[in-house]
Amino acid sequence: MRIVVIGATGTIGAPLADALAADHDIVRASRRGAVRVDLADPGSIEAMFTTVGNIDGVIAVAGSGRLAGISDSSDEEYFTGLDSKYLGQMRLVRQAARRVNDGGFVTITSGVVPSTEAGLSFAAAVNAGLDGFVPAAAAEMPRGIRVNSVSPGWISETLESIGRDGTAGTPVAEVVAAYLQLIDGTTNGQVLHP
């Protein structure tokens, strides 16, 4: 299959694209790569699909956002990720409905957020919204195109990179395995929690 991986230079995207490359033709897309896309820019999503042409699937693992509390951040800081992670992935699914080959797939990324960790209320809302979007969007997709999501919590390697205990997260290899599980088969409208 010919598959676009958006966020192919990131913590999850790079090893995912490498794992897929063994059996598939992979197009690596990112904000600064050879194939450029910024999910916050609707025109960029459309341009990416035009650039890549004929594809069987698209996986979005592009992350965004930062910790920002309700009362101690500006609106700009708090709502970081609305255009890219939330609306951007919904726009991606809508574009894929017209661009991905019959019987293809779209896999997006939400996330599990600890409900008691300060600074994650916006991320919790975005991820819950995406998790609700996936089964509804899957029911509306034409031509047998499947829509699923992977919803990881903290990634062990990310926690370690910010000086926290990596054992509190999920190893990236386990998260990559969840994406791989959704490539083949008939799974549709599901949210996997690795």
C-alpha atoms as a PDB file:
ATOM      1  CA  MET A   1       0.000   0.000   0.000  1.00  0.00           C
ATOM      2  CA  ARG A   2       0.989   3.625  -0.473  1.00  0.00           C
ATOM      3  CA  ILE A   3       0.609   5.378   2.882  1.00  0.00           C
ATOM      4  CA  VAL A   4       1.209   8.965   3.995  1.00  0.00           C
ATOM      5  CA  VAL A   5       2.533   9.374   7.538  1.00  0.00           C
ATOM      6  CA  ILE A   6       1.979  12.922   8.816  1.00  0.00           C
ATOM      7  CA  GLY A   7       4.373  13.768  11.612  1.00  0.00           C
ATOM      8  CA  ALA A   8       6.949  11.338  10.235  1.00  0.00           C
ATOM      9  CA  THR A   9       9.842  13.091  11.987  1.00  0.00           C
ATOM     10  CA  GLY A  10       8.373  12.885  15.498  1.00  0.00           C
ATOM     11  CA  THR A  11       8.735  10.564  18.463  1.00  0.00           C
ATOM     12  CA  ILE A  12       5.984   8.249  17.195  1.00  0.00           C
ATOM     13  CA  GLY A  13       5.986   9.130  13.499  1.00  0.00           C
ATOM     14  CA  ALA A  14       9.628   8.325  12.733  1.00  0.00           C
ATOM     15  CA  PRO A  15       9.621   4.753  14.099  1.00  0.00           C
ATOM     16  CA  LEU A  16       6.134   4.191  12.679  1.00  0.00           C
ATOM     17  CA  ALA A  17       7.212   5.246   9.175  1.00  0.00           C
ATOM     18  CA  ASP A  18      10.315   3.055   9.476  1.00  0.00           C
ATOM     19  CA  ALA A  19       8.241   0.035  10.539  1.00  0.00           C
ATOM     20  CA  LEU A  20       5.759   0.539   7.702  1.00  0.00           C
ATOM     21  CA  ALA A  21       8.507   0.995   5.096  1.00  0.00           C
ATOM     22  CA  ALA A  22       9.382  -2.701   5.278  1.00  0.00           C
ATOM     23  CA  ASP A  23       6.102  -3.656   3.551  1.00  0.00           C
ATOM     24  CA  HIS A  24       4.629  -0.454   2.151  1.00  0.00           C
ATOM     25  CA  ASP A  25       5.457   2.591   0.029  1.00  0.00           C
ATOM     26  CA  ILE A  26       5.667   5.355   2.649  1.00  0.00           C
ATOM     27  CA  VAL A  27       5.335   9.087   2.012  1.00  0.00           C
ATOM     28  CA  ARG A  28       6.788  10.976   4.965  1.00  0.00           C
ATOM     29  CA  ALA A  29       5.041  14.293   5.561  1.00  0.00           C
ATOM     30  CA  SER A  30       5.763  16.973   8.140  1.00  0.00           C
ATOM     31  CA  ARG A  31       5.884  20.739   8.535  1.00  0.00           C
ATOM     32  CA  ARG A  32       9.504  20.871   7.356  1.00  0.00           C
ATOM     33  CA  GLY A  33      10.001  17.723   5.270  1.00  0.00           C
ATOM     34  CA  ALA A  34      10.113  17.075   1.543  1.00  0.00           C
ATOM     35  CA  VAL A  35       6.320  16.646   1.580  1.00  0.00           C
ATOM     36  CA  ARG A  36       5.050  19.515   3.692  1.00  0.00           C
ATOM     37  CA  VAL A  37       1.827  19.716   5.610  1.00  0.00           C
ATOM     38  CA  ASP A  38       0.643  21.770   8.549  1.00  0.00           C
ATOM     39  CA  LEU A  39      -2.647  20.482   9.929  1.00  0.00           C
ATOM     40  CA  ALA A  40      -3.422  23.968  11.240  1.00  0.00           C
ATOM     41  CA  ASP A  41      -3.623  25.182   7.614  1.00  0.00           C
ATOM     42  CA  PRO A  42      -6.542  23.758   5.585  1.00  0.00           C
ATOM     43  CA  GLY A  43      -4.851  24.769   2.323  1.00  0.00           C
ATOM     44  CA  SER A  44      -1.761  22.838   3.359  1.00  0.00           C
ATOM     45  CA  ILE A  45      -3.795  19.650   3.803  1.00  0.00           C
ATOM     46  CA  GLU A  46      -5.312  20.007   0.353  1.00  0.00           C
ATOM     47  CA  ALA A  47      -1.899  20.765  -1.169  1.00  0.00           C
ATOM     48  CA  MET A  48      -0.428  17.663   0.466  1.00  0.00           C
ATOM     49  CA  PHE A  49      -3.094  15.430  -1.060  1.00  0.00           C
ATOM     50  CA  THR A  50      -2.492  17.038  -4.454  1.00  0.00           C
ATOM     51  CA  THR A  51       1.266  16.506  -4.110  1.00  0.00           C
ATOM     52  CA  VAL A  52       1.106  12.855  -3.044  1.00  0.00           C
ATOM     53  CA  GLY A  53      -1.557  11.805  -5.534  1.00  0.00           C
ATOM     54  CA  ASN A  54      -2.786   8.224  -5.433  1.00  0.00           C
ATOM     55  CA  ILE A  55      -2.719   6.838  -1.855  1.00  0.00           C
ATOM     56  CA  ASP A  56      -4.292   3.980   0.040  1.00  0.00           C
ATOM     57  CA  GLY A  57      -4.086   5.440   3.507  1.00  0.00           C
ATOM     58  CA  VAL A  58      -3.039   8.315   5.709  1.00  0.00           C
ATOM     59  CA  ILE A  59      -1.898   8.286   9.326  1.00  0.00           C
ATOM     60  CA  ALA A  60      -1.696  11.496  11.362  1.00  0.00           C
ATOM     61  CA  VAL A  61       0.646  11.356  14.344  1.00  0.00           C
ATOM     62  CA  ALA A  62       1.486  15.043  14.410  1.00  0.00           C
ATOM     63  CA  GLY A  63       1.290  16.305  17.967  1.00  0.00           C
ATOM     64  CA  SER A  64       0.869  19.802  19.261  1.00  0.00           C
ATOM     65  CA  GLY A  65       0.144  21.704  22.375  1.00  0.00           C
ATOM     66  CA  ARG A  66       1.726  22.329  25.730  1.00  0.00           C
ATOM     67  CA  LEU A  67       0.665  22.399  29.334  1.00  0.00           C
ATOM     68  CA  ALA A  68      -1.469  25.459  29.982  1.00  0.00           C
ATOM     69  CA  GLY A  69      -3.775  25.988  32.930  1.00  0.00           C
ATOM     70  CA  ILE A  70      -7.233  27.491  32.803  1.00  0.00           C
ATOM     71  CA  SER A  71      -6.411  30.572  34.853  1.00  0.00           C
ATOM     72  CA  ASP A  72      -2.661  31.021  34.406  1.00  0.00           C
ATOM     73  CA  SER A  73      -2.351  31.181  30.603  1.00  0.00           C
ATOM     74  CA  SER A  74      -3.436  33.400  27.750  1.00  0.00           C
ATOM     75  CA  ASP A  75      -6.118  32.237  25.315  1.00  0.00           C
ATOM     76  CA  GLU A  76      -3.380  31.708  22.728  1.00  0.00           C
ATOM     77  CA  GLU A  77      -1.416  29.443  25.092  1.00  0.00           C
ATOM     78  CA  TYR A  78      -4.480  27.596  26.325  1.00  0.00           C
ATOM     79  CA  PHE A  79      -6.033  26.872  22.929  1.00  0.00           C
ATOM     80  CA  THR A  80      -2.794  25.728  21.262  1.00  0.00           C
ATOM     81  CA  GLY A  81      -3.667  22.656  19.223  1.00  0.00           C
ATOM     82  CA  LEU A  82      -7.263  23.577  18.382  1.00  0.00           C
ATOM     83  CA  ASP A  83      -6.442  24.294  14.737  1.00  0.00           C
ATOM     84  CA  SER A  84      -3.874  21.543  14.289  1.00  0.00           C
ATOM     85  CA  LYS A  85      -4.718  18.558  16.462  1.00  0.00           C
ATOM     86  CA  TYR A  86      -8.483  18.944  16.657  1.00  0.00           C
ATOM     87  CA  LEU A  87      -9.835  20.778  13.610  1.00  0.00           C
ATOM     88  CA  GLY A  88      -6.826  19.798  11.494  1.00  0.00           C
ATOM     89  CA  GLN A  89      -7.410  16.090  11.936  1.00  0.00           C
ATOM     90  CA  MET A  90     -11.129  16.481  11.246  1.00  0.00           C
ATOM     91  CA  ARG A  91     -10.250  18.408   8.060  1.00  0.00           C
ATOM     92  CA  LEU A  92      -7.793  15.652   7.164  1.00  0.00           C
ATOM     93  CA  VAL A  93     -10.534  13.006   7.438  1.00  0.00           C
ATOM     94  CA  ARG A  94     -12.874  15.108   5.301  1.00  0.00           C
ATOM     95  CA  GLN A  95     -10.213  15.564   2.599  1.00  0.00           C
ATOM     96  CA  ALA A  96      -9.334  11.858   2.769  1.00  0.00           C
ATOM     97  CA  ALA A  97     -12.969  10.995   2.050  1.00  0.00           C
ATOM     98  CA  ARG A  98     -12.428  12.493  -1.404  1.00  0.00           C
ATOM     99  CA  ARG A  99      -8.771  11.561  -1.953  1.00  0.00           C
ATOM    100  CA  VAL A 100      -7.942   8.147  -0.464  1.00  0.00           C
ATOM    101  CA  ASN A 101      -8.440   5.111  -2.711  1.00  0.00           C
ATOM    102  CA  ASP A 102     -11.538   2.930  -2.359  1.00  0.00           C
ATOM    103  CA  GLY A 103     -11.216   0.624   0.638  1.00  0.00           C
ATOM    104  CA  GLY A 104      -8.418   2.748   2.098  1.00  0.00           C
ATOM    105  CA  PHE A 105      -8.007   4.083   5.605  1.00  0.00           C
ATOM    106  CA  VAL A 106      -7.381   7.119   7.778  1.00  0.00           C
ATOM    107  CA  THR A 107      -5.893   6.785  11.248  1.00  0.00           C
ATOM    108  CA  ILE A 108      -5.728   9.859  13.467  1.00  0.00           C
ATOM    109  CA  THR A 109      -4.328  10.421  16.938  1.00  0.00           C
ATOM    110  CA  SER A 110      -6.113  11.526  20.064  1.00  0.00           C
ATOM    111  CA  GLY A 111      -4.722  10.777  23.499  1.00  0.00           C
ATOM    112  CA  VAL A 112      -5.456   9.697  27.024  1.00  0.00           C
ATOM    113  CA  VAL A 113      -4.975  12.506  29.522  1.00  0.00           C
ATOM    114  CA  PRO A 114      -4.680  12.016  33.278  1.00  0.00           C
ATOM    115  CA  SER A 115      -7.739  13.851  34.575  1.00  0.00           C
ATOM    116  CA  THR A 116      -5.955  15.083  37.682  1.00  0.00           C
ATOM    117  CA  GLU A 117      -2.800  16.526  36.096  1.00  0.00           C
ATOM    118  CA  ALA A 118      -2.759  20.320  36.073  1.00  0.00           C
ATOM    119  CA  GLY A 119      -2.467  22.021  32.713  1.00  0.00           C
ATOM    120  CA  LEU A 120      -4.191  19.308  30.674  1.00  0.00           C
ATOM    121  CA  SER A 121      -7.846  20.378  30.681  1.00  0.00           C
ATOM    122  CA  PHE A 122      -7.746  21.616  27.086  1.00  0.00           C
ATOM    123  CA  ALA A 123      -5.937  18.479  25.900  1.00  0.00           C
ATOM    124  CA  ALA A 124      -8.580  16.374  27.663  1.00  0.00           C
ATOM    125  CA  ALA A 125     -11.361  18.208  25.822  1.00  0.00           C
ATOM    126  CA  VAL A 126      -9.641  17.894  22.419  1.00  0.00           C
ATOM    127  CA  ASN A 127      -8.917  14.191  22.873  1.00  0.00           C
ATOM    128  CA  ALA A 128     -12.446  13.429  24.052  1.00  0.00           C
ATOM    129  CA  GLY A 129     -13.799  15.290  21.037  1.00  0.00           C
ATOM    130  CA  LEU A 130     -11.618  13.299  18.632  1.00  0.00           C
ATOM    131  CA  ASP A 131     -12.578  10.026  20.305  1.00  0.00           C
ATOM    132  CA  GLY A 132     -16.234  10.907  19.764  1.00  0.00           C
ATOM    133  CA  PHE A 133     -15.620  12.020  16.193  1.00  0.00           C
ATOM    134  CA  VAL A 134     -14.016   8.754  15.008  1.00  0.00           C
ATOM    135  CA  PRO A 135     -17.001   6.358  15.215  1.00  0.00           C
ATOM    136  CA  ALA A 136     -19.368   8.962  13.795  1.00  0.00           C
ATOM    137  CA  ALA A 137     -17.016   9.838  10.925  1.00  0.00           C
ATOM    138  CA  ALA A 138     -16.432   6.144  10.177  1.00  0.00           C
ATOM    139  CA  ALA A 139     -20.169   5.676   9.654  1.00  0.00           C
ATOM    140  CA  GLU A 140     -20.196   8.525   7.114  1.00  0.00           C
ATOM    141  CA  MET A 141     -17.121   7.653   5.036  1.00  0.00           C
ATOM    142  CA  PRO A 142     -17.714   6.719   1.396  1.00  0.00           C
ATOM    143  CA  ARG A 143     -16.234   3.938  -0.718  1.00  0.00           C
ATOM    144  CA  GLY A 144     -15.294   1.639   2.146  1.00  0.00           C
ATOM    145  CA  ILE A 145     -12.722   4.031   3.634  1.00  0.00           C
ATOM    146  CA  ARG A 146     -12.075   3.167   7.280  1.00  0.00           C
ATOM    147  CA  VAL A 147     -11.445   5.712  10.069  1.00  0.00           C
ATOM    148  CA  ASN A 148      -9.803   4.810  13.375  1.00  0.00           C
ATOM    149  CA  SER A 149      -7.745   6.485  16.071  1.00  0.00           C
ATOM    150  CA  VAL A 150      -4.888   5.627  18.365  1.00  0.00           C
ATOM    151  CA  SER A 151      -5.179   7.217  21.777  1.00  0.00           C
ATOM    152  CA  PRO A 152      -1.887   6.934  23.653  1.00  0.00           C
ATOM    153  CA  GLY A 153      -1.202   8.483  27.001  1.00  0.00           C
ATOM    154  CA  TRP A 154       2.213   9.817  27.861  1.00  0.00           C
ATOM    155  CA  ILE A 155       4.974   8.229  25.803  1.00  0.00           C
ATOM    156  CA  SER A 156       7.794   6.835  27.951  1.00  0.00           C
ATOM    157  CA  GLU A 157      10.476   8.424  25.771  1.00  0.00           C
ATOM    158  CA  THR A 158       8.738  11.814  25.916  1.00  0.00           C
ATOM    159  CA  LEU A 159       8.523  11.684  29.698  1.00  0.00           C
ATOM    160  CA  GLU A 160      12.235  10.832  29.905  1.00  0.00           C
ATOM    161  CA  SER A 161      13.120  13.699  27.549  1.00  0.00           C
ATOM    162  CA  ILE A 162      11.428  16.189  29.905  1.00  0.00           C
ATOM    163  CA  GLY A 163      13.077  14.726  32.982  1.00  0.00           C
ATOM    164  CA  ARG A 164      10.160  12.667  34.264  1.00  0.00           C
ATOM    165  CA  ASP A 165       9.799   8.973  35.083  1.00  0.00           C
ATOM    166  CA  GLY A 166       9.477   7.084  31.791  1.00  0.00           C
ATOM    167  CA  THR A 167       7.929   4.060  33.473  1.00  0.00           C
ATOM    168  CA  ALA A 168       4.756   6.124  33.974  1.00  0.00           C
ATOM    169  CA  GLY A 169       4.236   6.150  30.181  1.00  0.00           C
ATOM    170  CA  THR A 170       3.813   3.717  27.317  1.00  0.00           C
ATOM    171  CA  PRO A 171       6.923   2.771  25.322  1.00  0.00           C
ATOM    172  CA  VAL A 172       6.823   4.128  21.773  1.00  0.00           C
ATOM    173  CA  ALA A 173       7.191   0.595  20.377  1.00  0.00           C
ATOM    174  CA  GLU A 174       3.824  -0.356  21.935  1.00  0.00           C
ATOM    175  CA  VAL A 175       2.190   2.759  20.498  1.00  0.00           C
ATOM    176  CA  VAL A 176       3.615   2.029  17.031  1.00  0.00           C
ATOM    177  CA  ALA A 177       2.207  -1.511  17.284  1.00  0.00           C
ATOM    178  CA  ALA A 178      -1.288  -0.048  17.807  1.00  0.00           C
ATOM    179  CA  TYR A 179      -1.031   1.948  14.566  1.00  0.00           C
ATOM    180  CA  LEU A 180       0.245  -1.118  12.700  1.00  0.00           C
ATOM    181  CA  GLN A 181      -2.719  -3.131  13.971  1.00  0.00           C
ATOM    182  CA  LEU A 182      -5.105  -0.735  12.181  1.00  0.00           C
ATOM    183  CA  ILE A 183      -3.428  -0.848   8.754  1.00  0.00           C
ATOM    184  CA  ASP A 184      -4.812  -4.148   7.485  1.00  0.00           C
ATOM    185  CA  GLY A 185      -8.158  -5.705   8.212  1.00  0.00           C
ATOM    186  CA  THR A 186     -11.622  -4.351   8.698  1.00  0.00           C
ATOM    187  CA  THR A 187     -11.384  -2.406  11.955  1.00  0.00           C
ATOM    188  CA  ASN A 188     -13.468   0.738  11.562  1.00  0.00           C
ATOM    189  CA  GLY A 189     -14.697   3.441  13.931  1.00  0.00           C
ATOM    190  CA  GLN A 190     -12.454   2.279  16.774  1.00  0.00           C
ATOM    191  CA  VAL A 191     -10.202   4.090  19.237  1.00  0.00           C
ATOM    192  CA  LEU A 192      -7.239   1.973  20.376  1.00  0.00           C
ATOM    193  CA  HIS A 193      -5.621   2.670  23.747  1.00  0.00           C
ATOM    194  CA  PRO A 194      -2.116   1.152  23.771  1.00  0.00           C
END
